[in-house]
Structure formats: structure tokens, C-alpha cells
Protein backbone atom coordinates (compact mmCIF):
# COMPACT_ATOMS: atom_id res chain seq x y z
CA MET A 1 -180.23 -112.85 -17.51
CA ILE A 2 -183.23 -111.77 -15.43
CA SER A 3 -183.06 -115.00 -13.40
CA GLU A 4 -179.51 -114.12 -12.30
CA ASN A 5 -180.89 -111.04 -10.51
CA LYS A 6 -183.84 -112.83 -8.91
CA LEU A 7 -183.51 -113.37 -5.16
CA THR A 8 -183.34 -116.96 -4.09
CA ARG A 9 -182.67 -118.91 -0.90
CA LYS A 10 -180.41 -121.81 -0.07
CA ARG A 11 -180.14 -123.69 3.20
CA ILE A 12 -176.75 -125.09 4.10
CA ARG A 13 -175.06 -126.75 7.05
CA LEU A 14 -171.49 -125.66 7.61
CA ARG A 15 -168.73 -126.99 9.85
CA ILE A 16 -166.15 -124.40 10.82
CA PRO A 17 -163.10 -126.01 12.43
CA LYS A 18 -161.56 -124.40 15.49
CA GLU A 19 -158.59 -123.07 13.51
CA TYR A 20 -161.04 -120.74 11.68
CA HIS A 21 -162.75 -119.38 14.81
CA GLN A 22 -160.86 -116.08 14.57
CA GLU A 23 -161.78 -115.69 10.89
CA PRO A 24 -165.03 -113.81 10.09
CA VAL A 25 -166.29 -116.57 7.77
CA ILE A 26 -170.03 -115.94 8.18
CA SER A 27 -169.57 -112.16 8.29
CA ARG A 28 -167.81 -112.28 4.91
CA LEU A 29 -170.88 -113.93 3.37
CA VAL A 30 -172.67 -110.65 4.11
CA SER A 31 -169.92 -108.08 3.56
CA GLU A 32 -168.15 -109.55 0.52
CA TYR A 33 -170.93 -111.51 -1.18
CA GLY A 34 -173.93 -109.34 -0.34
CA LEU A 35 -175.99 -112.16 1.13
CA THR A 36 -178.59 -112.00 3.85
CA VAL A 37 -177.67 -114.75 6.32
CA ASN A 38 -179.97 -116.21 8.95
CA ILE A 39 -178.40 -118.59 11.45
CA SER A 40 -181.21 -121.05 12.14
CA ALA A 41 -179.14 -123.31 14.42
CA ALA A 42 -175.62 -123.39 15.79
CA ILE A 43 -173.46 -125.55 18.01
CA LEU A 44 -170.24 -124.09 19.37
CA GLY A 45 -168.40 -125.36 22.41
CA ALA A 46 -167.77 -123.18 25.47
CA ASN A 47 -164.89 -120.75 24.95
CA GLY A 48 -164.80 -121.70 21.25
CA ILE A 49 -163.31 -125.12 21.93
CA GLY A 50 -163.91 -127.58 19.10
CA ASP A 51 -165.60 -127.17 15.76
CA GLY A 52 -168.63 -124.99 15.16
CA TRP A 53 -171.68 -126.27 13.30
CA PHE A 54 -174.06 -123.79 11.70
CA ASP A 55 -177.34 -124.17 9.85
CA LEU A 56 -177.55 -121.14 7.59
CA ASP A 57 -180.34 -119.79 5.42
CA LEU A 58 -178.69 -117.77 2.64
CA GLN A 59 -180.64 -115.24 0.59
CA GLY A 60 -179.33 -113.44 -2.47
CA THR A 61 -179.06 -113.87 -6.21
CA SER A 62 -177.94 -117.23 -7.55
CA VAL A 63 -174.64 -115.62 -8.62
CA GLN A 64 -174.04 -114.26 -5.09
CA ILE A 65 -174.87 -117.61 -3.50
CA ASP A 66 -172.70 -119.56 -5.95
CA SER A 67 -169.78 -117.18 -5.32
CA ALA A 68 -170.19 -117.52 -1.56
CA ILE A 69 -170.31 -121.33 -1.81
CA ALA A 70 -167.11 -121.23 -3.90
CA TYR A 71 -165.47 -119.11 -1.16
CA LEU A 72 -166.48 -121.66 1.51
CA ASN A 73 -165.18 -124.49 -0.68
CA ASP A 74 -161.90 -122.61 -1.23
CA LEU A 75 -161.49 -122.57 2.57
CA ASP A 76 -162.00 -126.36 2.42
CA LEU A 77 -164.87 -126.22 4.92
CA GLN A 78 -167.33 -129.09 5.19
CA LEU A 79 -170.59 -127.99 3.64
CA TRP A 80 -173.92 -129.70 3.06
CA ASP A 81 -177.02 -128.34 1.40
CA GLU A 82 -180.67 -129.17 2.01
CA SER A 83 -180.78 -131.51 -0.99
CA GLN A 84 -178.66 -133.95 0.99
CA ASP A 85 -181.54 -135.36 3.05
CA ASP A 86 -179.43 -137.56 5.30
CA ILE A 87 -178.27 -134.61 7.43
CA TRP A 88 -181.51 -132.64 7.85
């Protein structure tokens, strides 16, 4: 059980389609899942046109991170993690 409370980090790349631009997707990772989120890179078109791409460094417990990843998957967002070497 101690390992569930240990802080860990996970790097992900996330595509947020334009229909979600008004949704506080990244903010919810902090407010609802208690994560510390660092945006290490981002691409977002002028005036929010098109999809947004974000490289995020997530920090929290493994339970928090797993819950946040489940939330992103429930939204059906495209998500890659650093173990998928072809995108990094």
C-alpha cells in the first residue's frame, strides 16, 4: 500500500480536438485528480482553430495518475505515453 502513496511522474502526449477547447480538460487533471501538471510543449492554432497537442508531465500518486488517464480515455482523447518511442 505504501507504493500507492509514493509520488511518481508520467509523461504523456495528448491531442485535444477543437470541440473540447471550451472544456477545462487539463485544469481538471489538477482540480479533480490532484495532479501537478507541467506543460512541456504545446501546439494550438491561432484563435483555437484546429486540434491542440500537448506534451504533459504529470506528477502524483500512481492511483491519481491512473484515474486521470481513465478520465482522458473516457473523453475518447488520443493519448500517448513516453513508452511509445515512435512519437517522442
